[in-house]
C-alpha atoms as a PDB file:
ATOM      1  CA  MET A   1     116.120 122.986 111.939  1.00  0.00           C
ATOM      2  CA  ARG A   2     113.319 121.421 110.050  1.00  0.00           C
ATOM      3  CA  ARG A   3     113.589 117.656 109.705  1.00  0.00           C
ATOM      4  CA  LYS A   4     113.822 116.108 106.137  1.00  0.00           C
ATOM      5  CA  ILE A   5     110.773 113.792 106.826  1.00  0.00           C
ATOM      6  CA  PRO A   6     107.828 113.324 104.475  1.00  0.00           C
ATOM      7  CA  SER A   7     104.227 113.464 105.707  1.00  0.00           C
ATOM      8  CA  THR A   8     102.915 110.639 107.821  1.00  0.00           C
ATOM      9  CA  THR A   9      99.960 110.352 105.503  1.00  0.00           C
ATOM     10  CA  ALA A  10     102.195 109.906 102.411  1.00  0.00           C
ATOM     11  CA  LEU A  11     104.317 107.271 104.269  1.00  0.00           C
ATOM     12  CA  ILE A  12     101.275 105.363 105.406  1.00  0.00           C
ATOM     13  CA  SER A  13      99.723 105.378 101.921  1.00  0.00           C
ATOM     14  CA  PHE A  14     103.082 104.259 100.536  1.00  0.00           C
ATOM     15  CA  GLU A  15     103.515 101.411 103.012  1.00  0.00           C
ATOM     16  CA  ALA A  16      99.931 100.077 102.175  1.00  0.00           C
ATOM     17  CA  ALA A  17     100.418 100.414  98.512  1.00  0.00           C
ATOM     18  CA  ALA A  18     103.865  98.640  98.538  1.00  0.00           C
ATOM     19  CA  ARG A  19     102.410  95.820 100.735  1.00  0.00           C
ATOM     20  CA  HIS A  20      99.771  95.200  98.331  1.00  0.00           C
ATOM     21  CA  GLU A  21     101.482  96.410  95.196  1.00  0.00           C
ATOM     22  CA  SER A  22      98.236  97.946  94.275  1.00  0.00           C
ATOM     23  CA  PHE A  23      96.939 101.548  94.708  1.00  0.00           C
ATOM     24  CA  THR A  24      93.300 100.262  94.592  1.00  0.00           C
ATOM     25  CA  LYS A  25      93.762  97.824  97.459  1.00  0.00           C
ATOM     26  CA  ALA A  26      95.728 100.512  99.499  1.00  0.00           C
ATOM     27  CA  ALA A  27      92.897 102.843  98.932  1.00  0.00           C
ATOM     28  CA  GLN A  28      90.263 100.202 100.271  1.00  0.00           C
ATOM     29  CA  GLU A  29      92.440  99.564 103.258  1.00  0.00           C
ATOM     30  CA  LEU A  30      92.837 103.098 104.213  1.00  0.00           C
ATOM     31  CA  SER A  31      89.201 104.192 103.120  1.00  0.00           C
ATOM     32  CA  LEU A  32      90.609 106.629 100.711  1.00  0.00           C
ATOM     33  CA  THR A  33      89.990 107.126  97.049  1.00  0.00           C
ATOM     34  CA  GLN A  34      92.487 105.748  94.539  1.00  0.00           C
ATOM     35  CA  GLY A  35      93.215 109.102  93.348  1.00  0.00           C
ATOM     36  CA  ALA A  36      94.211 110.176  96.757  1.00  0.00           C
ATOM     37  CA  ILE A  37      96.640 107.350  97.165  1.00  0.00           C
ATOM     38  CA  CYS A  38      98.078 108.272  93.712  1.00  0.00           C
ATOM     39  CA  ARG A  39      98.559 111.901  94.842  1.00  0.00           C
ATOM     40  CA  GLN A  40     100.310 110.783  98.094  1.00  0.00           C
ATOM     41  CA  ILE A  41     102.721 108.456  96.347  1.00  0.00           C
ATOM     42  CA  ALA A  42     103.483 111.116  93.692  1.00  0.00           C
ATOM     43  CA  SER A  43     104.021 113.661  96.503  1.00  0.00           C
ATOM     44  CA  LEU A  44     106.448 111.220  98.294  1.00  0.00           C
ATOM     45  CA  GLU A  45     108.347 110.537  95.077  1.00  0.00           C
ATOM     46  CA  SER A  46     108.770 114.271  94.371  1.00  0.00           C
ATOM     47  CA  PHE A  47     109.759 114.944  97.985  1.00  0.00           C
ATOM     48  CA  ILE A  48     112.547 112.266  97.958  1.00  0.00           C
ATOM     49  CA  GLY A  49     113.435 112.502  94.181  1.00  0.00           C
ATOM     50  CA  VAL A  50     113.255 108.866  93.576  1.00  0.00           C
ATOM     51  CA  GLU A  51     110.688 106.689  91.575  1.00  0.00           C
ATOM     52  CA  LEU A  52     109.075 104.256  93.902  1.00  0.00           C
ATOM     53  CA  PHE A  53     106.708 102.591  91.614  1.00  0.00           C
ATOM     54  CA  ARG A  54     106.588 101.605  87.785  1.00  0.00           C
ATOM     55  CA  ARG A  55     103.228 102.306  86.402  1.00  0.00           C
ATOM     56  CA  SER A  56     101.718 100.317  83.554  1.00  0.00           C
ATOM     57  CA  LYS A  57      98.355  99.576  82.085  1.00  0.00           C
ATOM     58  CA  ARG A  58      98.426  96.236  84.053  1.00  0.00           C
ATOM     59  CA  GLY A  59      98.913  98.116  87.484  1.00  0.00           C
ATOM     60  CA  VAL A  60     102.030  99.221  89.467  1.00  0.00           C
ATOM     61  CA  LYS A  61     105.178  97.403  90.528  1.00  0.00           C
ATOM     62  CA  LEU A  62     107.686  98.428  93.099  1.00  0.00           C
ATOM     63  CA  THR A  63     111.084  99.658  91.809  1.00  0.00           C
ATOM     64  CA  GLU A  64     114.263  98.252  93.536  1.00  0.00           C
ATOM     65  CA  ALA A  65     114.551 101.534  95.453  1.00  0.00           C
ATOM     66  CA  GLY A  66     110.894 101.385  96.329  1.00  0.00           C
ATOM     67  CA  LEU A  67     111.180  97.818  97.642  1.00  0.00           C
ATOM     68  CA  SER A  68     114.189  98.756  99.961  1.00  0.00           C
ATOM     69  CA  TYR A  69     112.432 102.018 101.091  1.00  0.00           C
ATOM     70  CA  SER A  70     109.018 100.155 101.821  1.00  0.00           C
ATOM     71  CA  ARG A  71     110.752  97.782 104.129  1.00  0.00           C
ATOM     72  CA  ARG A  72     112.381 100.384 106.212  1.00  0.00           C
ATOM     73  CA  VAL A  73     109.139 102.626 106.258  1.00  0.00           C
ATOM     74  CA  ALA A  74     107.282  99.446 107.351  1.00  0.00           C
ATOM     75  CA  THR A  75     109.715  98.728 110.206  1.00  0.00           C
ATOM     76  CA  GLN A  76     109.621 102.410 111.463  1.00  0.00           C
ATOM     77  CA  LEU A  77     105.806 102.656 111.285  1.00  0.00           C
ATOM     78  CA  ASP A  78     105.470  99.386 113.209  1.00  0.00           C
ATOM     79  CA  ALA A  79     107.815 100.857 115.956  1.00  0.00           C
ATOM     80  CA  VAL A  80     105.824 104.102 116.082  1.00  0.00           C
ATOM     81  CA  GLU A  81     102.634 102.009 116.458  1.00  0.00           C
ATOM     82  CA  ARG A  82     104.078  99.934 119.357  1.00  0.00           C
ATOM     83  CA  ASP A  83     105.440 103.133 121.075  1.00  0.00           C
ATOM     84  CA  THR A  84     101.904 104.647 120.750  1.00  0.00           C
ATOM     85  CA  LEU A  85     100.107 101.621 121.944  1.00  0.00           C
ATOM     86  CA  SER A  86     102.640 101.286 124.854  1.00  0.00           C
ATOM     87  CA  VAL A  87     101.924 104.995 126.035  1.00  0.00           C
ATOM     88  CA  MET A  88      98.112 104.552 125.685  1.00  0.00           C
ATOM     89  CA  GLY A  89      98.302 101.422 127.826  1.00  0.00           C
ATOM     90  CA  GLN A  90     100.174 103.191 130.467  1.00  0.00           C
ATOM     91  CA  GLN A  91      97.618 105.954 131.132  1.00  0.00           C
ATOM     92  CA  GLY A  92      96.842 106.139 134.833  1.00  0.00           C
ATOM     93  CA  ALA A  93      99.266 103.376 135.694  1.00  0.00           C
ATOM     94  CA  ASN A  94     102.585 102.943 137.309  1.00  0.00           C
ATOM     95  CA  THR A  95     104.630 100.866 135.046  1.00  0.00           C
ATOM     96  CA  ILE A  96     108.011  99.142 135.440  1.00  0.00           C
ATOM     97  CA  GLU A  97     109.843  98.040 132.236  1.00  0.00           C
ATOM     98  CA  LEU A  98     112.029  95.199 133.502  1.00  0.00           C
ATOM     99  CA  ALA A  99     114.742  93.525 131.399  1.00  0.00           C
ATOM    100  CA  LEU A 100     115.654  90.113 132.649  1.00  0.00           C
ATOM    101  CA  VAL A 101     117.397  86.841 131.572  1.00  0.00           C
ATOM    102  CA  PRO A 102     114.645  84.686 130.038  1.00  0.00           C
ATOM    103  CA  THR A 103     114.698  81.296 132.033  1.00  0.00           C
ATOM    104  CA  PHE A 104     115.063  83.157 135.274  1.00  0.00           C
ATOM    105  CA  GLY A 105     112.012  85.259 134.384  1.00  0.00           C
ATOM    106  CA  THR A 106     109.890  82.215 133.308  1.00  0.00           C
ATOM    107  CA  GLN A 107     110.879  79.779 135.960  1.00  0.00           C
ATOM    108  CA  TRP A 108     111.481  81.758 139.101  1.00  0.00           C
ATOM    109  CA  LEU A 109     110.056  85.371 138.797  1.00  0.00           C
ATOM    110  CA  LEU A 110     106.758  84.624 137.002  1.00  0.00           C
ATOM    111  CA  PRO A 111     105.409  82.059 139.541  1.00  0.00           C
ATOM    112  CA  ARG A 112     105.798  84.637 142.385  1.00  0.00           C
ATOM    113  CA  LEU A 113     104.951  87.836 140.485  1.00  0.00           C
ATOM    114  CA  LYS A 114     101.205  87.487 141.277  1.00  0.00           C
ATOM    115  CA  ASP A 115     102.106  88.082 144.979  1.00  0.00           C
ATOM    116  CA  PHE A 116     103.681  91.513 144.047  1.00  0.00           C
ATOM    117  CA  GLN A 117     100.505  92.251 141.974  1.00  0.00           C
ATOM    118  CA  GLN A 118      98.266  91.634 145.028  1.00  0.00           C
ATOM    119  CA  GLN A 119     100.277  93.795 147.094  1.00  0.00           C
ATOM    120  CA  HIS A 120     100.694  96.608 144.632  1.00  0.00           C
ATOM    121  CA  PRO A 121      97.646  96.434 142.254  1.00  0.00           C
ATOM    122  CA  ASP A 122      98.491  99.931 140.904  1.00  0.00           C
ATOM    123  CA  VAL A 123     101.899  98.952 139.560  1.00  0.00           C
ATOM    124  CA  THR A 124     102.342  96.930 136.354  1.00  0.00           C
ATOM    125  CA  VAL A 125     105.488  94.965 135.729  1.00  0.00           C
ATOM    126  CA  ASN A 126     106.458  94.365 131.859  1.00  0.00           C
ATOM    127  CA  LEU A 127     109.008  91.786 131.292  1.00  0.00           C
ATOM    128  CA  THR A 128     111.467  91.695 128.382  1.00  0.00           C
ATOM    129  CA  ASN A 129     114.217  89.299 127.525  1.00  0.00           C
ATOM    130  CA  ARG A 130     117.711  90.607 127.607  1.00  0.00           C
ATOM    131  CA  THR A 131     120.615  88.245 128.022  1.00  0.00           C
ATOM    132  CA  ARG A 132     123.370  90.782 128.250  1.00  0.00           C
ATOM    133  CA  PRO A 133     124.081  94.116 129.994  1.00  0.00           C
ATOM    134  CA  PHE A 134     122.999  97.246 127.782  1.00  0.00           C
ATOM    135  CA  LEU A 135     122.976 100.952 128.306  1.00  0.00           C
ATOM    136  CA  PHE A 136     119.978 102.151 130.197  1.00  0.00           C
ATOM    137  CA  ALA A 137     120.220 105.594 128.575  1.00  0.00           C
ATOM    138  CA  ASP A 138     119.594 103.817 125.169  1.00  0.00           C
ATOM    139  CA  THR A 139     116.445 102.043 126.259  1.00  0.00           C
ATOM    140  CA  ASP A 140     113.107 102.513 127.925  1.00  0.00           C
ATOM    141  CA  PHE A 141     113.910 100.021 130.894  1.00  0.00           C
ATOM    142  CA  ASP A 142     113.580 101.027 134.295  1.00  0.00           C
ATOM    143  CA  ALA A 143     115.619  98.152 135.808  1.00  0.00           C
ATOM    144  CA  ALA A 144     117.138  94.752 134.961  1.00  0.00           C
ATOM    145  CA  ILE A 145     117.725  91.449 136.427  1.00  0.00           C
ATOM    146  CA  TYR A 146     120.930  89.702 135.167  1.00  0.00           C
ATOM    147  CA  PHE A 147     123.714  87.260 136.113  1.00  0.00           C
ATOM    148  CA  GLY A 148     126.976  88.670 136.609  1.00  0.00           C
ATOM    149  CA  ASP A 149     129.300  90.485 138.914  1.00  0.00           C
ATOM    150  CA  ALA A 150     127.268  93.628 139.456  1.00  0.00           C
ATOM    151  CA  ASP A 151     129.889  95.772 137.573  1.00  0.00           C
ATOM    152  CA  TRP A 152     127.147  97.980 135.652  1.00  0.00           C
ATOM    153  CA  SER A 153     128.122 101.674 135.265  1.00  0.00           C
ATOM    154  CA  GLY A 154     125.528 104.162 136.604  1.00  0.00           C
ATOM    155  CA  THR A 155     123.475 101.669 138.480  1.00  0.00           C
ATOM    156  CA  SER A 156     122.734 100.537 141.976  1.00  0.00           C
ATOM    157  CA  SER A 157     122.877  96.612 142.409  1.00  0.00           C
ATOM    158  CA  TYR A 158     121.059  94.326 144.733  1.00  0.00           C
ATOM    159  CA  ARG A 159     122.244  90.770 144.963  1.00  0.00           C
ATOM    160  CA  LEU A 160     119.498  88.246 144.771  1.00  0.00           C
ATOM    161  CA  MET A 161     120.780  84.696 144.803  1.00  0.00           C
ATOM    162  CA  GLY A 162     123.661  82.746 143.425  1.00  0.00           C
ATOM    163  CA  GLU A 163     123.422  80.053 140.737  1.00  0.00           C
ATOM    164  CA  ASN A 164     125.356  76.915 141.554  1.00  0.00           C
ATOM    165  CA  PRO A 165     124.562  74.872 138.473  1.00  0.00           C
ATOM    166  CA  VAL A 166     124.998  70.955 138.572  1.00  0.00           C
ATOM    167  CA  PRO A 167     125.435  68.416 135.820  1.00  0.00           C
ATOM    168  CA  VAL A 168     122.197  67.082 134.680  1.00  0.00           C
ATOM    169  CA  CYS A 169     121.068  64.633 131.946  1.00  0.00           C
ATOM    170  CA  SER A 170     118.270  62.534 130.700  1.00  0.00           C
ATOM    171  CA  PRO A 171     117.440  59.261 132.770  1.00  0.00           C
ATOM    172  CA  SER A 172     118.406  57.184 129.697  1.00  0.00           C
ATOM    173  CA  LEU A 173     121.742  58.848 129.599  1.00  0.00           C
ATOM    174  CA  LEU A 174     122.391  58.165 133.155  1.00  0.00           C
ATOM    175  CA  GLY A 175     121.151  54.648 132.695  1.00  0.00           C
ATOM    176  CA  ALA A 176     121.347  52.253 135.708  1.00  0.00           C
ATOM    177  CA  ALA A 177     123.880  54.346 137.469  1.00  0.00           C
ATOM    178  CA  GLN A 178     122.927  56.540 140.333  1.00  0.00           C
ATOM    179  CA  HIS A 179     125.844  58.975 139.788  1.00  0.00           C
ATOM    180  CA  LEU A 180     128.338  59.768 137.122  1.00  0.00           C
ATOM    181  CA  SER A 181     131.910  60.384 138.031  1.00  0.00           C
ATOM    182  CA  ALA A 182     133.703  63.386 136.711  1.00  0.00           C
ATOM    183  CA  GLU A 183     135.732  60.965 134.513  1.00  0.00           C
ATOM    184  CA  THR A 184     132.714  59.562 133.044  1.00  0.00           C
ATOM    185  CA  LEU A 185     131.187  63.080 132.317  1.00  0.00           C
ATOM    186  CA  ALA A 186     134.369  64.127 130.555  1.00  0.00           C
ATOM    187  CA  GLU A 187     133.660  61.303 127.962  1.00  0.00           C
ATOM    188  CA  LEU A 188     130.086  62.353 127.340  1.00  0.00           C
ATOM    189  CA  PRO A 189     128.824  65.136 124.958  1.00  0.00           C
ATOM    190  CA  LEU A 190     128.994  68.421 126.960  1.00  0.00           C
ATOM    191  CA  LEU A 191     126.375  70.872 126.219  1.00  0.00           C
ATOM    192  CA  GLN A 192     127.742  74.476 126.539  1.00  0.00           C
ATOM    193  CA  GLN A 193     125.892  77.780 127.209  1.00  0.00           C
ATOM    194  CA  THR A 194     126.803  80.923 125.309  1.00  0.00           C
ATOM    195  CA  THR A 195     126.810  83.315 128.083  1.00  0.00           C
ATOM    196  CA  ARG A 196     128.853  80.868 130.426  1.00  0.00           C
ATOM    197  CA  PRO A 197     131.611  79.604 127.954  1.00  0.00           C
ATOM    198  CA  TYR A 198     133.995  78.477 130.659  1.00  0.00           C
ATOM    199  CA  ALA A 199     131.436  76.754 132.777  1.00  0.00           C
ATOM    200  CA  TRP A 200     132.467  73.110 132.146  1.00  0.00           C
ATOM    201  CA  ARG A 201     136.270  74.002 132.309  1.00  0.00           C
ATOM    202  CA  GLN A 202     135.624  75.618 135.674  1.00  0.00           C
ATOM    203  CA  TRP A 203     133.683  72.614 136.902  1.00  0.00           C
ATOM    204  CA  PHE A 204     136.247  70.157 135.905  1.00  0.00           C
ATOM    205  CA  ASN A 205     139.125  72.347 137.322  1.00  0.00           C
ATOM    206  CA  ALA A 206     137.255  72.195 140.582  1.00  0.00           C
ATOM    207  CA  GLN A 207     137.465  68.507 140.591  1.00  0.00           C
ATOM    208  CA  ASP A 208     141.496  68.794 139.774  1.00  0.00           C
ATOM    209  CA  MET A 209     140.902  67.617 136.152  1.00  0.00           C
ATOM    210  CA  ASN A 210     142.244  69.069 132.915  1.00  0.00           C
ATOM    211  CA  VAL A 211     139.828  68.077 130.097  1.00  0.00           C
ATOM    212  CA  PRO A 212     140.929  69.082 126.639  1.00  0.00           C
ATOM    213  CA  ARG A 213     137.504  69.036 125.205  1.00  0.00           C
ATOM    214  CA  ASP A 214     135.819  70.996 128.146  1.00  0.00           C
ATOM    215  CA  MET A 215     134.846  73.969 125.776  1.00  0.00           C
ATOM    216  CA  THR A 216     133.735  71.702 122.873  1.00  0.00           C
ATOM    217  CA  GLY A 217     130.097  70.864 122.084  1.00  0.00           C
ATOM    218  CA  ALA A 218     126.933  72.416 120.843  1.00  0.00           C
ATOM    219  CA  ARG A 219     126.124  75.803 122.345  1.00  0.00           C
ATOM    220  CA  TYR A 220     122.818  77.258 123.325  1.00  0.00           C
ATOM    221  CA  GLU A 221     122.084  80.800 124.581  1.00  0.00           C
ATOM    222  CA  LEU A 222     119.318  79.883 127.174  1.00  0.00           C
ATOM    223  CA  PHE A 223     119.054  77.426 130.097  1.00  0.00           C
ATOM    224  CA  SER A 224     115.647  76.402 128.658  1.00  0.00           C
ATOM    225  CA  MET A 225     117.424  75.374 125.457  1.00  0.00           C
ATOM    226  CA  LEU A 226     120.160  73.504 127.323  1.00  0.00           C
ATOM    227  CA  ALA A 227     117.407  71.653 129.228  1.00  0.00           C
ATOM    228  CA  GLN A 228     115.475  70.730 126.187  1.00  0.00           C
ATOM    229  CA  ALA A 229     118.651  69.293 124.528  1.00  0.00           C
ATOM    230  CA  ALA A 230     119.655  67.257 127.658  1.00  0.00           C
ATOM    231  CA  MET A 231     116.196  65.963 127.861  1.00  0.00           C
ATOM    232  CA  HIS A 232     116.531  64.684 124.219  1.00  0.00           C
ATOM    233  CA  ASP A 233     119.736  62.738 125.165  1.00  0.00           C
ATOM    234  CA  MET A 234     121.940  65.205 123.412  1.00  0.00           C
ATOM    235  CA  GLY A 235     124.455  65.449 126.129  1.00  0.00           C
ATOM    236  CA  VAL A 236     125.026  66.627 129.713  1.00  0.00           C
ATOM    237  CA  ALA A 237     124.431  70.184 130.842  1.00  0.00           C
ATOM    238  CA  LEU A 238     125.456  72.508 133.664  1.00  0.00           C
ATOM    239  CA  ILE A 239     121.993  73.933 134.887  1.00  0.00           C
ATOM    240  CA  PRO A 240     120.995  75.563 138.272  1.00  0.00           C
ATOM    241  CA  PRO A 241     118.535  73.152 139.881  1.00  0.00           C
ATOM    242  CA  PHE A 242     116.072  75.998 140.645  1.00  0.00           C
ATOM    243  CA  LEU A 243     115.474  76.598 137.003  1.00  0.00           C
ATOM    244  CA  ILE A 244     114.466  73.015 136.192  1.00  0.00           C
ATOM    245  CA  GLN A 245     112.305  72.120 139.273  1.00  0.00           C
ATOM    246  CA  ARG A 246     109.570  70.759 137.186  1.00  0.00           C
ATOM    247  CA  GLU A 247     111.839  68.650 134.824  1.00  0.00           C
ATOM    248  CA  LEU A 248     113.523  67.210 137.889  1.00  0.00           C
ATOM    249  CA  ALA A 249     110.358  66.508 139.727  1.00  0.00           C
ATOM    250  CA  GLU A 250     108.915  64.673 136.627  1.00  0.00           C
ATOM    251  CA  LYS A 251     112.106  62.765 135.998  1.00  0.00           C
ATOM    252  CA  ARG A 252     112.548  64.243 132.634  1.00  0.00           C
ATOM    253  CA  LEU A 253     116.046  65.378 133.905  1.00  0.00           C
ATOM    254  CA  VAL A 254     118.253  63.938 136.552  1.00  0.00           C
ATOM    255  CA  ILE A 255     121.215  65.189 138.427  1.00  0.00           C
ATOM    256  CA  ALA A 256     124.188  63.270 137.168  1.00  0.00           C
ATOM    257  CA  ASN A 257     126.713  64.563 139.834  1.00  0.00           C
ATOM    258  CA  GLU A 258     125.829  66.467 142.946  1.00  0.00           C
ATOM    259  CA  ARG A 259     128.865  68.641 142.832  1.00  0.00           C
ATOM    260  CA  PRO A 260     128.038  72.208 141.943  1.00  0.00           C
ATOM    261  CA  LEU A 261     129.787  74.876 140.219  1.00  0.00           C
ATOM    262  CA  SER A 262     130.451  77.561 142.700  1.00  0.00           C
ATOM    263  CA  SER A 263     131.013  81.072 141.440  1.00  0.00           C
ATOM    264  CA  THR A 264     131.212  84.623 142.724  1.00  0.00           C
ATOM    265  CA  LYS A 265     128.801  85.942 140.176  1.00  0.00           C
ATOM    266  CA  ALA A 266     125.091  85.978 140.982  1.00  0.00           C
ATOM    267  CA  TYR A 267     121.589  87.285 139.908  1.00  0.00           C
ATOM    268  CA  TYR A 268     121.384  91.057 140.523  1.00  0.00           C
ATOM    269  CA  LEU A 269     118.526  93.576 140.288  1.00  0.00           C
ATOM    270  CA  MET A 270     120.150  96.609 138.654  1.00  0.00           C
ATOM    271  CA  ILE A 271     118.396  99.903 138.840  1.00  0.00           C
ATOM    272  CA  PRO A 272     119.815 103.168 137.170  1.00  0.00           C
ATOM    273  CA  GLU A 273     120.815 105.763 139.740  1.00  0.00           C
ATOM    274  CA  ARG A 274     118.534 108.320 138.047  1.00  0.00           C
ATOM    275  CA  LYS A 275     115.512 106.163 138.860  1.00  0.00           C
ATOM    276  CA  ILE A 276     116.505 104.997 142.388  1.00  0.00           C
ATOM    277  CA  GLU A 277     113.875 107.377 143.890  1.00  0.00           C
ATOM    278  CA  SER A 278     110.978 105.880 142.199  1.00  0.00           C
ATOM    279  CA  ALA A 279     108.401 104.676 144.783  1.00  0.00           C
ATOM    280  CA  SER A 280     107.321 101.789 142.510  1.00  0.00           C
ATOM    281  CA  LEU A 281     110.945 100.546 141.966  1.00  0.00           C
ATOM    282  CA  GLN A 282     111.502 100.781 145.513  1.00  0.00           C
ATOM    283  CA  ALA A 283     108.520  98.708 146.250  1.00  0.00           C
ATOM    284  CA  PHE A 284     109.452  96.077 143.702  1.00  0.00           C
ATOM    285  CA  ARG A 285     113.201  96.072 144.815  1.00  0.00           C
ATOM    286  CA  ASP A 286     112.034  95.442 148.567  1.00  0.00           C
ATOM    287  CA  TRP A 287     109.589  92.672 147.461  1.00  0.00           C
ATOM    288  CA  LEU A 288     112.105  90.932 145.161  1.00  0.00           C
ATOM    289  CA  ILE A 289     114.829  91.105 147.742  1.00  0.00           C
ATOM    290  CA  LYS A 290     112.450  89.388 150.196  1.00  0.00           C
ATOM    291  CA  GLN A 291     111.431  86.756 147.881  1.00  0.00           C
ATOM    292  CA  ALA A 292     114.987  85.928 147.104  1.00  0.00           C
ATOM    293  CA  ALA A 293     115.819  85.669 150.819  1.00  0.00           C
ATOM    294  CA  ILE A 294     112.617  83.336 151.384  1.00  0.00           C
ATOM    295  CA  TYR A 295     113.876  81.171 148.527  1.00  0.00           C
ATOM    296  CA  SER A 296     117.379  80.771 149.712  1.00  0.00           C
ATOM    297  CA  LEU A 297     116.138  79.541 153.212  1.00  0.00           C
ATOM    298  CA  THR A 298     114.164  76.754 151.483  1.00  0.00           C
END
C-alpha cells in the first residue's frame, strides 16, 4: 500500500519557507529559484488539501494550520537528518549504543572508558542518558546500565556493583560537628531523589526511627542535581560516595553520617537476548564486569 506522504523536496521547501516566512529566503537557502519554491508549496497544499500560507502583496504568512504543520515537519526532518548522520558515522565501525543513568556514566564509566577504547579501538561506545527502564524493541539501544533489581524482560543481566548511599551535606551545614546523629538529620531539610522516593524512609527505618517528614523536601532526578543542591546548603542528601569522589576530596561535600543505606538493588548491565552473541557487546561486557570488580576491591 502506497504511503500518504508528500515528496521530500516539497517538505524541505515548506520547512525552509515556514522558518523564514519568505519564499525568497527559502529559495536562497536551498539554492533554488523563488518560482520553484512556489511550485513546491502549491503542490504540497494541493496534496494535503490545506492552505499553508496566506499570500499578499507584502509577502506570505503562515496560516494556523501551516504553523502547526511546519513544527511537526521540522521535528521529523531533524530526526531523519540525525538518523542519516548516525548511519554515516557508523560506516566501517562496530558501534555500541548504550543507555545509562547519567551520573553513573559521567562520574564512574567515562573516566574508565579510555581503557576500553585502547583495548578495542575498532569499537565505538555511544552514551545516552536514560534514567528508567524501556523496551529495547522500541529503541536503537544495544545495552543499558541501570540501577534496579535486574527484572527486565527479554534481557540478560550482569551485576556490576551496589550503591550504598550515605548522608552528605555542605561543610557549613555540618558546622563544627564531626558527625550528625540520625535525630539531628531528621530535623534538617531532606533532599529527595525522584527515582529513589523511599530512600530516606528506608535509611531512618534502619536506625529504628519513624520520621513523619521523611518523604518531604525538594525532589531531583539526578544525583548530580542532589550534589549541587547539597553543596549550596539546601539540605542533606543520600548519595553514593563513589559518585561524588571529587566533591568529597575538595571538601565541597562532607559525609554527615557514616551509616550507609543498604539495598538489594544494584547497578546492572542489561543486554537484550537477541544481541547477546554480539562480539563487541561481549567484549564490552567482560571489560565492564572486570572494571567493576577492580573498583569493588579498592
